[in-house]
PDB file of N, CA and C in Angstrom:
ATOM      1  N   UNK A   1      97.666  83.294 106.849  1.00  0.00           N
ATOM      2  CA  UNK A   1      97.706  84.161 105.689  1.00  0.00           C
ATOM      3  C   UNK A   1      97.108  83.429 104.487  1.00  0.00           C
ATOM      4  N   UNK A   2      96.276  84.092 103.716  1.00  0.00           N
ATOM      5  CA  UNK A   2      95.624  83.443 102.587  1.00  0.00           C
ATOM      6  C   UNK A   2      96.574  83.326 101.395  1.00  0.00           C
ATOM      7  N   UNK A   3      96.308  82.342 100.590  1.00  0.00           N
ATOM      8  CA  UNK A   3      97.125  82.078  99.407  1.00  0.00           C
ATOM      9  C   UNK A   3      96.677  82.979  98.264  1.00  0.00           C
ATOM     10  N   UNK A   4      97.636  83.537  97.531  1.00  0.00           N
ATOM     11  CA  UNK A   4      97.344  84.384  96.370  1.00  0.00           C
ATOM     12  C   UNK A   4      96.717  83.527  95.275  1.00  0.00           C
ATOM     13  N   UNK A   5      95.529  83.916  94.808  1.00  0.00           N
ATOM     14  CA  UNK A   5      94.840  83.134  93.782  1.00  0.00           C
ATOM     15  C   UNK A   5      94.731  83.875  92.463  1.00  0.00           C
ATOM     16  N   UNK A   6      95.263  85.046  92.385  1.00  0.00           N
ATOM     17  CA  UNK A   6      95.194  85.805  91.139  1.00  0.00           C
ATOM     18  C   UNK A   6      96.087  85.168  90.077  1.00  0.00           C
ATOM     19  N   UNK A   7      95.665  85.271  88.844  1.00  0.00           N
ATOM     20  CA  UNK A   7      96.471  84.770  87.730  1.00  0.00           C
ATOM     21  C   UNK A   7      97.753  85.588  87.600  1.00  0.00           C
ATOM     22  N   UNK A   8      97.637  86.900  87.766  1.00  0.00           N
ATOM     23  CA  UNK A   8      98.786  87.797  87.714  1.00  0.00           C
ATOM     24  C   UNK A   8      98.877  88.506  89.053  1.00  0.00           C
ATOM     25  N   UNK A   9      99.830  88.120  89.897  1.00  0.00           N
ATOM     26  CA  UNK A   9      99.918  88.706  91.237  1.00  0.00           C
ATOM     27  C   UNK A   9     100.191  90.204  91.208  1.00  0.00           C
ATOM     28  N   UNK A  10      99.718  90.874  92.248  1.00  0.00           N
ATOM     29  CA  UNK A  10      99.970  92.308  92.424  1.00  0.00           C
ATOM     30  C   UNK A  10     101.270  92.486  93.190  1.00  0.00           C
ATOM     31  N   UNK A  11     101.974  93.557  92.856  1.00  0.00           N
ATOM     32  CA  UNK A  11     103.199  93.906  93.556  1.00  0.00           C
ATOM     33  C   UNK A  11     103.038  95.297  94.148  1.00  0.00           C
ATOM     34  N   UNK A  12     103.418  95.475  95.401  1.00  0.00           N
ATOM     35  CA  UNK A  12     103.346  96.815  95.989  1.00  0.00           C
ATOM     36  C   UNK A  12     104.386  97.723  95.332  1.00  0.00           C
ATOM     37  N   UNK A  13     103.965  98.911  94.971  1.00  0.00           N
ATOM     38  CA  UNK A  13     104.837  99.896  94.324  1.00  0.00           C
ATOM     39  C   UNK A  13     104.562 101.269  94.918  1.00  0.00           C
ATOM     40  N   UNK A  14     105.395 102.202  94.578  1.00  0.00           N
ATOM     41  CA  UNK A  14     105.191 103.590  95.005  1.00  0.00           C
ATOM     42  C   UNK A  14     105.913 104.500  94.022  1.00  0.00           C
ATOM     43  N   UNK A  15     105.180 104.942  92.996  1.00  0.00           N
ATOM     44  CA  UNK A  15     105.754 105.858  92.009  1.00  0.00           C
ATOM     45  C   UNK A  15     104.641 106.728  91.419  1.00  0.00           C
ATOM     46  N   UNK A  16     105.014 107.920  90.912  1.00  0.00           N
ATOM     47  CA  UNK A  16     104.009 108.815  90.338  1.00  0.00           C
ATOM     48  C   UNK A  16     103.551 108.343  88.957  1.00  0.00           C
ATOM     49  N   UNK A  17     102.312 108.668  88.653  1.00  0.00           N
ATOM     50  CA  UNK A  17     101.707 108.330  87.362  1.00  0.00           C
ATOM     51  C   UNK A  17     101.010 109.576  86.829  1.00  0.00           C
ATOM     52  N   UNK A  18     101.209 109.853  85.544  1.00  0.00           N
ATOM     53  CA  UNK A  18     100.430 110.909  84.897  1.00  0.00           C
ATOM     54  C   UNK A  18      99.214 110.257  84.256  1.00  0.00           C
ATOM     55  N   UNK A  19      98.049 110.803  84.547  1.00  0.00           N
ATOM     56  CA  UNK A  19      96.801 110.266  84.013  1.00  0.00           C
ATOM     57  C   UNK A  19      96.219 111.304  83.062  1.00  0.00           C
ATOM     58  N   UNK A  20      96.032 110.900  81.818  1.00  0.00           N
ATOM     59  CA  UNK A  20      95.459 111.796  80.808  1.00  0.00           C
ATOM     60  C   UNK A  20      94.025 111.371  80.524  1.00  0.00           C
ATOM     61  N   UNK A  21      93.125 112.304  80.709  1.00  0.00           N
ATOM     62  CA  UNK A  21      91.725 112.055  80.373  1.00  0.00           C
ATOM     63  C   UNK A  21      91.586 112.398  78.898  1.00  0.00           C
ATOM     64  N   UNK A  22      90.985 111.515  78.087  1.00  0.00           N
ATOM     65  CA  UNK A  22      90.905 111.726  76.635  1.00  0.00           C
ATOM     66  C   UNK A  22      90.319 113.068  76.236  1.00  0.00           C
ATOM     67  N   UNK A  23      90.791 113.575  75.115  1.00  0.00           N
ATOM     68  CA  UNK A  23      90.397 114.902  74.623  1.00  0.00           C
ATOM     69  C   UNK A  23      88.913 115.024  74.327  1.00  0.00           C
ATOM     70  N   UNK A  24      88.224 113.911  74.021  1.00  0.00           N
ATOM     71  CA  UNK A  24      86.793 114.005  73.708  1.00  0.00           C
ATOM     72  C   UNK A  24      85.947 114.224  74.963  1.00  0.00           C
ATOM     73  N   UNK A  25      86.576 114.142  76.121  1.00  0.00           N
ATOM     74  CA  UNK A  25      85.868 114.399  77.373  1.00  0.00           C
ATOM     75  C   UNK A  25      85.746 115.902  77.585  1.00  0.00           C
ATOM     76  N   UNK A  26      84.721 116.313  78.319  1.00  0.00           N
ATOM     77  CA  UNK A  26      84.554 117.744  78.595  1.00  0.00           C
ATOM     78  C   UNK A  26      85.619 118.262  79.557  1.00  0.00           C
ATOM     79  N   UNK A  27      86.304 117.364  80.248  1.00  0.00           N
ATOM     80  CA  UNK A  27      87.336 117.756  81.206  1.00  0.00           C
ATOM     81  C   UNK A  27      88.695 117.181  80.839  1.00  0.00           C
ATOM     82  N   UNK A  28      89.083 117.275  79.565  1.00  0.00           N
ATOM     83  CA  UNK A  28      90.368 116.746  79.133  1.00  0.00           C
ATOM     84  C   UNK A  28      91.481 117.415  79.921  1.00  0.00           C
ATOM     85  N   UNK A  29      92.488 116.637  80.250  1.00  0.00           N
ATOM     86  CA  UNK A  29      93.613 117.205  80.970  1.00  0.00           C
ATOM     87  C   UNK A  29      94.540 116.142  81.501  1.00  0.00           C
ATOM     88  N   UNK A  30      95.590 116.609  82.166  1.00  0.00           N
ATOM     89  CA  UNK A  30      96.582 115.716  82.763  1.00  0.00           C
ATOM     90  C   UNK A  30      96.501 115.851  84.274  1.00  0.00           C
ATOM     91  N   UNK A  31      96.451 114.715  84.944  1.00  0.00           N
ATOM     92  CA  UNK A  31      96.326 114.684  86.399  1.00  0.00           C
ATOM     93  C   UNK A  31      97.437 113.820  86.976  1.00  0.00           C
ATOM     94  N   UNK A  32      97.829 114.115  88.195  1.00  0.00           N
ATOM     95  CA  UNK A  32      98.863 113.339  88.881  1.00  0.00           C
ATOM     96  C   UNK A  32      98.194 112.354  89.838  1.00  0.00           C
ATOM     97  N   UNK A  33      98.775 111.160  89.896  1.00  0.00           N
ATOM     98  CA  UNK A  33      98.294 110.128  90.814  1.00  0.00           C
ATOM     99  C   UNK A  33      99.516 109.369  91.319  1.00  0.00           C
ATOM    100  N   UNK A  34      99.285 108.464  92.269  1.00  0.00           N
ATOM    101  CA  UNK A  34     100.372 107.685  92.854  1.00  0.00           C
ATOM    102  C   UNK A  34     100.007 106.212  92.785  1.00  0.00           C
ATOM    103  N   UNK A  35     100.848 105.409  92.111  1.00  0.00           N
ATOM    104  CA  UNK A  35     100.608 103.971  92.011  1.00  0.00           C
ATOM    105  C   UNK A  35     100.921 103.305  93.341  1.00  0.00           C
ATOM    106  N   UNK A  36     100.060 102.368  93.762  1.00  0.00           N
ATOM    107  CA  UNK A  36     100.307 101.645  95.010  1.00  0.00           C
ATOM    108  C   UNK A  36     100.391 100.138  94.800  1.00  0.00           C
ATOM    109  N   UNK A  37      99.818  99.620  93.713  1.00  0.00           N
ATOM    110  CA  UNK A  37      99.897  98.204  93.354  1.00  0.00           C
ATOM    111  C   UNK A  37      99.962  98.098  91.839  1.00  0.00           C
ATOM    112  N   UNK A  38     100.703  97.088  91.364  1.00  0.00           N
ATOM    113  CA  UNK A  38     100.837  96.891  89.923  1.00  0.00           C
ATOM    114  C   UNK A  38     100.901  95.405  89.618  1.00  0.00           C
ATOM    115  N   UNK A  39     100.179  94.997  88.580  1.00  0.00           N
ATOM    116  CA  UNK A  39     100.287  93.638  88.055  1.00  0.00           C
ATOM    117  C   UNK A  39     100.453  93.766  86.551  1.00  0.00           C
ATOM    118  N   UNK A  40     100.526  92.637  85.860  1.00  0.00           N
ATOM    119  CA  UNK A  40     100.665  92.681  84.401  1.00  0.00           C
ATOM    120  C   UNK A  40      99.451  93.306  83.734  1.00  0.00           C
ATOM    121  N   UNK A  41      98.289  93.234  84.385  1.00  0.00           N
ATOM    122  CA  UNK A  41      97.067  93.701  83.724  1.00  0.00           C
ATOM    123  C   UNK A  41      96.314  94.794  84.481  1.00  0.00           C
ATOM    124  N   UNK A  42      96.789  95.176  85.660  1.00  0.00           N
ATOM    125  CA  UNK A  42      96.049  96.193  86.409  1.00  0.00           C
ATOM    126  C   UNK A  42      96.974  97.054  87.256  1.00  0.00           C
ATOM    127  N   UNK A  43      96.438  98.197  87.665  1.00  0.00           N
ATOM    128  CA  UNK A  43      97.167  99.135  88.515  1.00  0.00           C
ATOM    129  C   UNK A  43      96.193  99.748  89.501  1.00  0.00           C
ATOM    130  N   UNK A  44      96.650  99.910  90.743  1.00  0.00           N
ATOM    131  CA  UNK A  44      95.870 100.612  91.758  1.00  0.00           C
ATOM    132  C   UNK A  44      96.522 101.965  91.978  1.00  0.00           C
ATOM    133  N   UNK A  45      95.694 103.017  91.928  1.00  0.00           N
ATOM    134  CA  UNK A  45      96.182 104.391  92.046  1.00  0.00           C
ATOM    135  C   UNK A  45      95.504 105.120  93.185  1.00  0.00           C
ATOM    136  N   UNK A  46      96.251 105.964  93.859  1.00  0.00           N
ATOM    137  CA  UNK A  46      95.683 106.933  94.777  1.00  0.00           C
ATOM    138  C   UNK A  46      95.591 108.248  94.025  1.00  0.00           C
ATOM    139  N   UNK A  47      94.462 108.923  94.118  1.00  0.00           N
ATOM    140  CA  UNK A  47      94.297 110.176  93.369  1.00  0.00           C
ATOM    141  C   UNK A  47      93.377 111.123  94.128  1.00  0.00           C
ATOM    142  N   UNK A  48      93.218 112.325  93.578  1.00  0.00           N
ATOM    143  CA  UNK A  48      92.348 113.307  94.212  1.00  0.00           C
ATOM    144  C   UNK A  48      90.982 113.336  93.533  1.00  0.00           C
ATOM    145  N   UNK A  49      90.093 114.095  94.120  1.00  0.00           N
ATOM    146  CA  UNK A  49      88.715 114.178  93.626  1.00  0.00           C
ATOM    147  C   UNK A  49      88.632 114.815  92.245  1.00  0.00           C
ATOM    148  N   UNK A  50      89.588 115.663  91.894  1.00  0.00           N
ATOM    149  CA  UNK A  50      89.578 116.331  90.591  1.00  0.00           C
ATOM    150  C   UNK A  50      89.675 115.312  89.449  1.00  0.00           C
ATOM    151  N   UNK A  51      90.543 114.318  89.580  1.00  0.00           N
ATOM    152  CA  UNK A  51      90.667 113.273  88.556  1.00  0.00           C
ATOM    153  C   UNK A  51      89.387 112.443  88.477  1.00  0.00           C
ATOM    154  N   UNK A  52      88.852 112.047  89.595  1.00  0.00           N
ATOM    155  CA  UNK A  52      87.621 111.245  89.608  1.00  0.00           C
ATOM    156  C   UNK A  52      86.483 112.021  88.958  1.00  0.00           C
ATOM    157  N   UNK A  53      86.386 113.292  89.250  1.00  0.00           N
ATOM    158  CA  UNK A  53      85.349 114.133  88.657  1.00  0.00           C
ATOM    159  C   UNK A  53      85.495 114.208  87.132  1.00  0.00           C
ATOM    160  N   UNK A  54      86.729 114.364  86.656  1.00  0.00           N
ATOM    161  CA  UNK A  54      86.976 114.420  85.207  1.00  0.00           C
ATOM    162  C   UNK A  54      86.591 113.098  84.547  1.00  0.00           C
ATOM    163  N   UNK A  55      86.929 111.984  85.172  1.00  0.00           N
ATOM    164  CA  UNK A  55      86.567 110.682  84.620  1.00  0.00           C
ATOM    165  C   UNK A  55      85.051 110.504  84.574  1.00  0.00           C
ATOM    166  N   UNK A  56      84.355 110.931  85.619  1.00  0.00           N
ATOM    167  CA  UNK A  56      82.906 110.746  85.693  1.00  0.00           C
ATOM    168  C   UNK A  56      82.137 111.608  84.698  1.00  0.00           C
ATOM    169  N   UNK A  57      82.781 112.611  84.157  1.00  0.00           N
ATOM    170  CA  UNK A  57      82.119 113.452  83.144  1.00  0.00           C
ATOM    171  C   UNK A  57      82.158 112.832  81.749  1.00  0.00           C
ATOM    172  N   UNK A  58      82.853 111.731  81.592  1.00  0.00           N
ATOM    173  CA  UNK A  58      82.909 111.069  80.289  1.00  0.00           C
ATOM    174  C   UNK A  58      81.529 110.550  79.910  1.00  0.00           C
ATOM    175  N   UNK A  59      81.288 110.508  78.618  1.00  0.00           N
ATOM    176  CA  UNK A  59      79.986 110.087  78.122  1.00  0.00           C
ATOM    177  C   UNK A  59      79.848 108.574  78.007  1.00  0.00           C
ATOM    178  N   UNK A  60      80.975 107.849  77.996  1.00  0.00           N
ATOM    179  CA  UNK A  60      80.919 106.399  77.825  1.00  0.00           C
ATOM    180  C   UNK A  60      81.332 105.680  79.098  1.00  0.00           C
ATOM    181  N   UNK A  61      80.880 104.432  79.198  1.00  0.00           N
ATOM    182  CA  UNK A  61      81.309 103.533  80.265  1.00  0.00           C
ATOM    183  C   UNK A  61      82.006 102.354  79.625  1.00  0.00           C
ATOM    184  N   UNK A  62      83.008 101.772  80.204  1.00  0.00           N
ATOM    185  CA  UNK A  62      83.682 102.229  81.422  1.00  0.00           C
ATOM    186  C   UNK A  62      84.512 103.472  81.149  1.00  0.00           C
ATOM    187  N   UNK A  63      84.772 104.220  82.210  1.00  0.00           N
ATOM    188  CA  UNK A  63      85.592 105.413  82.088  1.00  0.00           C
ATOM    189  C   UNK A  63      86.982 105.013  81.614  1.00  0.00           C
ATOM    190  N   UNK A  64      87.578 105.828  80.744  1.00  0.00           N
ATOM    191  CA  UNK A  64      88.881 105.502  80.166  1.00  0.00           C
ATOM    192  C   UNK A  64      89.868 106.637  80.377  1.00  0.00           C
ATOM    193  N   UNK A  65      91.135 106.279  80.370  1.00  0.00           N
ATOM    194  CA  UNK A  65      92.203 107.274  80.493  1.00  0.00           C
ATOM    195  C   UNK A  65      93.479 106.667  79.927  1.00  0.00           C
ATOM    196  N   UNK A  66      94.511 107.475  79.852  1.00  0.00           N
ATOM    197  CA  UNK A  66      95.829 107.026  79.415  1.00  0.00           C
ATOM    198  C   UNK A  66      96.808 107.270  80.548  1.00  0.00           C
ATOM    199  N   UNK A  67      97.695 106.310  80.762  1.00  0.00           N
ATOM    200  CA  UNK A  67      98.661 106.385  81.852  1.00  0.00           C
ATOM    201  C   UNK A  67     100.074 106.522  81.294  1.00  0.00           C
ATOM    202  N   UNK A  68     100.871 107.327  81.962  1.00  0.00           N
ATOM    203  CA  UNK A  68     102.290 107.446  81.632  1.00  0.00           C
ATOM    204  C   UNK A  68     103.065 107.323  82.929  1.00  0.00           C
ATOM    205  N   UNK A  69     104.065 106.416  82.931  1.00  0.00           N
ATOM    206  CA  UNK A  69     104.848 106.218  84.151  1.00  0.00           C
ATOM    207  C   UNK A  69     106.181 105.565  83.835  1.00  0.00           C
ATOM    208  N   UNK A  70     107.095 105.701  84.777  1.00  0.00           N
ATOM    209  CA  UNK A  70     108.398 105.030  84.758  1.00  0.00           C
ATOM    210  C   UNK A  70     108.457 104.129  85.977  1.00  0.00           C
ATOM    211  N   UNK A  71     108.906 102.899  85.800  1.00  0.00           N
ATOM    212  CA  UNK A  71     109.170 102.048  86.953  1.00  0.00           C
ATOM    213  C   UNK A  71     110.474 102.532  87.581  1.00  0.00           C
ATOM    214  N   UNK A  72     110.561 102.537  88.907  1.00  0.00           N
ATOM    215  CA  UNK A  72     111.739 103.096  89.583  1.00  0.00           C
ATOM    216  C   UNK A  72     113.084 102.539  89.127  1.00  0.00           C
ATOM    217  N   UNK A  73     113.148 101.272  88.748  1.00  0.00           N
ATOM    218  CA  UNK A  73     114.440 100.685  88.405  1.00  0.00           C
ATOM    219  C   UNK A  73     114.644 100.506  86.898  1.00  0.00           C
ATOM    220  N   UNK A  74     113.867 101.230  86.080  1.00  0.00           N
ATOM    221  CA  UNK A  74     113.980 101.058  84.636  1.00  0.00           C
ATOM    222  C   UNK A  74     113.723 102.383  83.931  1.00  0.00           C
ATOM    223  N   UNK A  75     114.341 102.584  82.767  1.00  0.00           N
ATOM    224  CA  UNK A  75     114.236 103.867  82.080  1.00  0.00           C
ATOM    225  C   UNK A  75     113.129 103.930  81.026  1.00  0.00           C
ATOM    226  N   UNK A  76     112.469 102.805  80.730  1.00  0.00           N
ATOM    227  CA  UNK A  76     111.418 102.813  79.708  1.00  0.00           C
ATOM    228  C   UNK A  76     110.198 103.583  80.200  1.00  0.00           C
ATOM    229  N   UNK A  77     109.732 104.512  79.385  1.00  0.00           N
ATOM    230  CA  UNK A  77     108.512 105.255  79.710  1.00  0.00           C
ATOM    231  C   UNK A  77     107.308 104.457  79.203  1.00  0.00           C
ATOM    232  N   UNK A  78     106.518 103.943  80.131  1.00  0.00           N
ATOM    233  CA  UNK A  78     105.326 103.189  79.766  1.00  0.00           C
ATOM    234  C   UNK A  78     104.193 104.157  79.455  1.00  0.00           C
ATOM    235  N   UNK A  79     103.481 103.895  78.352  1.00  0.00           N
ATOM    236  CA  UNK A  79     102.307 104.663  77.960  1.00  0.00           C
ATOM    237  C   UNK A  79     101.224 103.653  77.621  1.00  0.00           C
ATOM    238  N   UNK A  80     100.195 103.604  78.478  1.00  0.00           N
ATOM    239  CA  UNK A  80      99.154 102.593  78.344  1.00  0.00           C
ATOM    240  C   UNK A  80      97.774 103.206  78.424  1.00  0.00           C
ATOM    241  N   UNK A  81      96.852 102.636  77.690  1.00  0.00           N
ATOM    242  CA  UNK A  81      95.462 102.974  77.881  1.00  0.00           C
ATOM    243  C   UNK A  81      94.947 102.191  79.093  1.00  0.00           C
ATOM    244  N   UNK A  82      93.893 102.678  79.703  1.00  0.00           N
ATOM    245  CA  UNK A  82      93.341 101.987  80.867  1.00  0.00           C
ATOM    246  C   UNK A  82      91.855 102.310  80.990  1.00  0.00           C
ATOM    247  N   UNK A  83      91.158 101.420  81.665  1.00  0.00           N
ATOM    248  CA  UNK A  83      89.757 101.696  81.985  1.00  0.00           C
ATOM    249  C   UNK A  83      89.539 101.432  83.467  1.00  0.00           C
ATOM    250  N   UNK A  84      88.654 102.213  84.056  1.00  0.00           N
ATOM    251  CA  UNK A  84      88.387 102.121  85.484  1.00  0.00           C
ATOM    252  C   UNK A  84      87.561 100.876  85.767  1.00  0.00           C
ATOM    253  N   UNK A  85      88.064 100.052  86.695  1.00  0.00           N
ATOM    254  CA  UNK A  85      87.315  98.870  87.147  1.00  0.00           C
ATOM    255  C   UNK A  85      86.524  99.227  88.396  1.00  0.00           C
ATOM    256  N   UNK A  86      87.206  99.820  89.377  1.00  0.00           N
ATOM    257  CA  UNK A  86      86.533 100.244  90.610  1.00  0.00           C
ATOM    258  C   UNK A  86      87.110 101.565  91.081  1.00  0.00           C
ATOM    259  N   UNK A  87      86.307 102.265  91.849  1.00  0.00           N
ATOM    260  CA  UNK A  87      86.770 103.476  92.526  1.00  0.00           C
ATOM    261  C   UNK A  87      86.228 103.448  93.943  1.00  0.00           C
ATOM    262  N   UNK A  88      87.058 103.912  94.861  1.00  0.00           N
ATOM    263  CA  UNK A  88      86.661 103.909  96.267  1.00  0.00           C
ATOM    264  C   UNK A  88      87.104 105.230  96.887  1.00  0.00           C
ATOM    265  N   UNK A  89      86.194 105.853  97.573  1.00  0.00           N
ATOM    266  CA  UNK A  89      86.507 107.108  98.262  1.00  0.00           C
ATOM    267  C   UNK A  89      87.098 106.771  99.621  1.00  0.00           C
ATOM    268  N   UNK A  90      88.305 107.286  99.890  1.00  0.00           N
ATOM    269  CA  UNK A  90      89.002 107.011 101.133  1.00  0.00           C
ATOM    270  C   UNK A  90      88.790 108.138 102.132  1.00  0.00           C
ATOM    271  N   UNK A  91      88.765 109.353 101.635  1.00  0.00           N
ATOM    272  CA  UNK A  91      88.505 110.519 102.472  1.00  0.00           C
ATOM    273  C   UNK A  91      87.802 111.559 101.606  1.00  0.00           C
ATOM    274  N   UNK A  92      87.591 112.717 102.159  1.00  0.00           N
ATOM    275  CA  UNK A  92      86.859 113.762 101.430  1.00  0.00           C
ATOM    276  C   UNK A  92      87.452 114.064 100.057  1.00  0.00           C
ATOM    277  N   UNK A  93      88.779 114.065  99.962  1.00  0.00           N
ATOM    278  CA  UNK A  93      89.400 114.432  98.693  1.00  0.00           C
ATOM    279  C   UNK A  93      90.373 113.384  98.156  1.00  0.00           C
ATOM    280  N   UNK A  94      90.358 112.178  98.723  1.00  0.00           N
ATOM    281  CA  UNK A  94      91.282 111.142  98.266  1.00  0.00           C
ATOM    282  C   UNK A  94      90.513 109.888  97.848  1.00  0.00           C
ATOM    283  N   UNK A  95      90.874 109.357  96.684  1.00  0.00           N
ATOM    284  CA  UNK A  95      90.228 108.172  96.124  1.00  0.00           C
ATOM    285  C   UNK A  95      91.273 107.122  95.776  1.00  0.00           C
ATOM    286  N   UNK A  96      90.814 105.887  95.662  1.00  0.00           N
ATOM    287  CA  UNK A  96      91.626 104.794  95.152  1.00  0.00           C
ATOM    288  C   UNK A  96      90.905 104.259  93.918  1.00  0.00           C
ATOM    289  N   UNK A  97      91.633 104.184  92.805  1.00  0.00           N
ATOM    290  CA  UNK A  97      91.108 103.637  91.561  1.00  0.00           C
ATOM    291  C   UNK A  97      91.841 102.346  91.231  1.00  0.00           C
ATOM    292  N   UNK A  98      91.124 101.367  90.728  1.00  0.00           N
ATOM    293  CA  UNK A  98      91.751 100.182  90.161  1.00  0.00           C
ATOM    294  C   UNK A  98      91.471 100.236  88.668  1.00  0.00           C
ATOM    295  N   UNK A  99      92.539 100.147  87.883  1.00  0.00           N
ATOM    296  CA  UNK A  99      92.452 100.302  86.436  1.00  0.00           C
ATOM    297  C   UNK A  99      92.893  99.037  85.719  1.00  0.00           C
ATOM    298  N   UNK A 100      92.184  98.666  84.684  1.00  0.00           N
ATOM    299  CA  UNK A 100      92.567  97.566  83.809  1.00  0.00           C
ATOM    300  C   UNK A 100      93.451  98.159  82.723  1.00  0.00           C
ATOM    301  N   UNK A 101      94.661  97.633  82.591  1.00  0.00           N
ATOM    302  CA  UNK A 101      95.610  98.148  81.603  1.00  0.00           C
ATOM    303  C   UNK A 101      95.308  97.571  80.230  1.00  0.00           C
ATOM    304  N   UNK A 102      95.380  98.421  79.215  1.00  0.00           N
ATOM    305  CA  UNK A 102      95.163  98.005  77.831  1.00  0.00           C
ATOM    306  C   UNK A 102      96.496  98.148  77.096  1.00  0.00           C
ATOM    307  N   UNK A 103      97.152  97.034  76.876  1.00  0.00           N
ATOM    308  CA  UNK A 103      98.445  97.053  76.192  1.00  0.00           C
ATOM    309  C   UNK A 103      98.221  97.151  74.690  1.00  0.00           C
ATOM    310  N   UNK A 104      98.616  98.282  74.080  1.00  0.00           N
ATOM    311  CA  UNK A 104      98.493  98.428  72.638  1.00  0.00           C
ATOM    312  C   UNK A 104      99.718  97.866  71.929  1.00  0.00           C
ATOM    313  N   UNK A 105     100.770  97.626  72.676  1.00  0.00           N
ATOM    314  CA  UNK A 105     102.044  97.218  72.121  1.00  0.00           C
ATOM    315  C   UNK A 105     102.492  95.930  72.812  1.00  0.00           C
ATOM    316  N   UNK A 106     102.615  94.838  72.064  1.00  0.00           N
ATOM    317  CA  UNK A 106     102.997  93.541  72.647  1.00  0.00           C
ATOM    318  C   UNK A 106     104.388  93.603  73.272  1.00  0.00           C
ATOM    319  N   UNK A 107     105.275  94.391  72.695  1.00  0.00           N
ATOM    320  CA  UNK A 107     106.627  94.529  73.236  1.00  0.00           C
ATOM    321  C   UNK A 107     106.603  95.177  74.620  1.00  0.00           C
ATOM    322  N   UNK A 108     105.796  96.204  74.752  1.00  0.00           N
ATOM    323  CA  UNK A 108     105.674  96.897  76.038  1.00  0.00           C
ATOM    324  C   UNK A 108     105.039  95.988  77.085  1.00  0.00           C
ATOM    325  N   UNK A 109     104.040  95.211  76.694  1.00  0.00           N
ATOM    326  CA  UNK A 109     103.396  94.265  77.618  1.00  0.00           C
ATOM    327  C   UNK A 109     104.400  93.218  78.083  1.00  0.00           C
ATOM    328  N   UNK A 110     105.220  92.713  77.168  1.00  0.00           N
ATOM    329  CA  UNK A 110     106.236  91.718  77.525  1.00  0.00           C
ATOM    330  C   UNK A 110     107.293  92.326  78.449  1.00  0.00           C
ATOM    331  N   UNK A 111     107.673  93.582  78.208  1.00  0.00           N
ATOM    332  CA  UNK A 111     108.655  94.246  79.059  1.00  0.00           C
ATOM    333  C   UNK A 111     108.107  94.401  80.479  1.00  0.00           C
ATOM    334  N   UNK A 112     106.866  94.831  80.609  1.00  0.00           N
ATOM    335  CA  UNK A 112     106.265  94.973  81.934  1.00  0.00           C
ATOM    336  C   UNK A 112     106.214  93.625  82.652  1.00  0.00           C
ATOM    337  N   UNK A 113     105.798  92.586  81.949  1.00  0.00           N
ATOM    338  CA  UNK A 113     105.739  91.249  82.547  1.00  0.00           C
ATOM    339  C   UNK A 113     107.132  90.800  82.985  1.00  0.00           C
ATOM    340  N   UNK A 114     108.114  91.055  82.169  1.00  0.00           N
ATOM    341  CA  UNK A 114     109.490  90.670  82.484  1.00  0.00           C
ATOM    342  C   UNK A 114     110.007  91.417  83.708  1.00  0.00           C
ATOM    343  N   UNK A 115     109.766  92.720  83.753  1.00  0.00           N
ATOM    344  CA  UNK A 115     110.234  93.520  84.887  1.00  0.00           C
ATOM    345  C   UNK A 115     109.541  93.110  86.181  1.00  0.00           C
ATOM    346  N   UNK A 116     108.247  92.835  86.112  1.00  0.00           N
ATOM    347  CA  UNK A 116     107.528  92.380  87.298  1.00  0.00           C
ATOM    348  C   UNK A 116     108.039  91.013  87.741  1.00  0.00           C
ATOM    349  N   UNK A 117     108.281  90.124  86.799  1.00  0.00           N
ATOM    350  CA  UNK A 117     108.805  88.807  87.130  1.00  0.00           C
ATOM    351  C   UNK A 117     110.179  88.890  87.772  1.00  0.00           C
ATOM    352  N   UNK A 118     111.017  89.784  87.278  1.00  0.00           N
ATOM    353  CA  UNK A 118     112.366  89.949  87.820  1.00  0.00           C
ATOM    354  C   UNK A 118     112.335  90.530  89.224  1.00  0.00           C
ATOM    355  N   UNK A 119     111.325  91.323  89.521  1.00  0.00           N
ATOM    356  CA  UNK A 119     111.230  91.969  90.806  1.00  0.00           C
ATOM    357  C   UNK A 119     110.436  91.175  91.837  1.00  0.00           C
ATOM    358  N   UNK A 120     109.915  90.003  91.450  1.00  0.00           N
ATOM    359  CA  UNK A 120     109.090  89.211  92.341  1.00  0.00           C
ATOM    360  C   UNK A 120     109.814  88.970  93.683  1.00  0.00           C
ATOM    361  N   UNK A 121     109.164  89.377  94.708  1.00  0.00           N
ATOM    362  CA  UNK A 121     109.746  89.204  96.037  1.00  0.00           C
ATOM    363  C   UNK A 121     110.690  90.324  96.442  1.00  0.00           C
ATOM    364  N   UNK A 122     111.261  91.039  95.485  1.00  0.00           N
ATOM    365  CA  UNK A 122     112.201  92.110  95.811  1.00  0.00           C
ATOM    366  C   UNK A 122     111.488  93.447  95.966  1.00  0.00           C
ATOM    367  N   UNK A 123     110.305  93.607  95.379  1.00  0.00           N
ATOM    368  CA  UNK A 123     109.562  94.868  95.454  1.00  0.00           C
ATOM    369  C   UNK A 123     110.094  95.847  94.418  1.00  0.00           C
ATOM    370  N   UNK A 124     109.236  96.743  93.960  1.00  0.00           N
ATOM    371  CA  UNK A 124     109.615  97.737  92.961  1.00  0.00           C
ATOM    372  C   UNK A 124     109.849  99.109  93.554  1.00  0.00           C
ATOM    373  N   UNK A 125     109.549  99.305  94.810  1.00  0.00           N
ATOM    374  CA  UNK A 125     109.678 100.655  95.358  1.00  0.00           C
ATOM    375  C   UNK A 125     111.019 100.902  95.981  1.00  0.00           C
TER     376      UNK A 125
END
């Protein structure tokens, strides 16, 4: 088994995420996705083609969105900006996105780091 070399390790998760495409986009709206991995600075999401299509209609690169989610063992509602790092088509209508999280609030970033650190090895799902 290979050694983890990431600065911020990923943790397997399984919880719903609301993805908001910014209002300046031609396809503004709220989409549902499912988180599968989470680190202090990134998130991997499973989503449908409708969300990917809305993101691709944006006029700027990298594609941006806002995420809203609750970690299963905590009541704080996280609201973060994010930008798409990679997208991969898994099937005709299912995609995997990797997003870079943009913490606008240092307190929220510290809370996420703390919760991930506390769950290390125990899993969040």
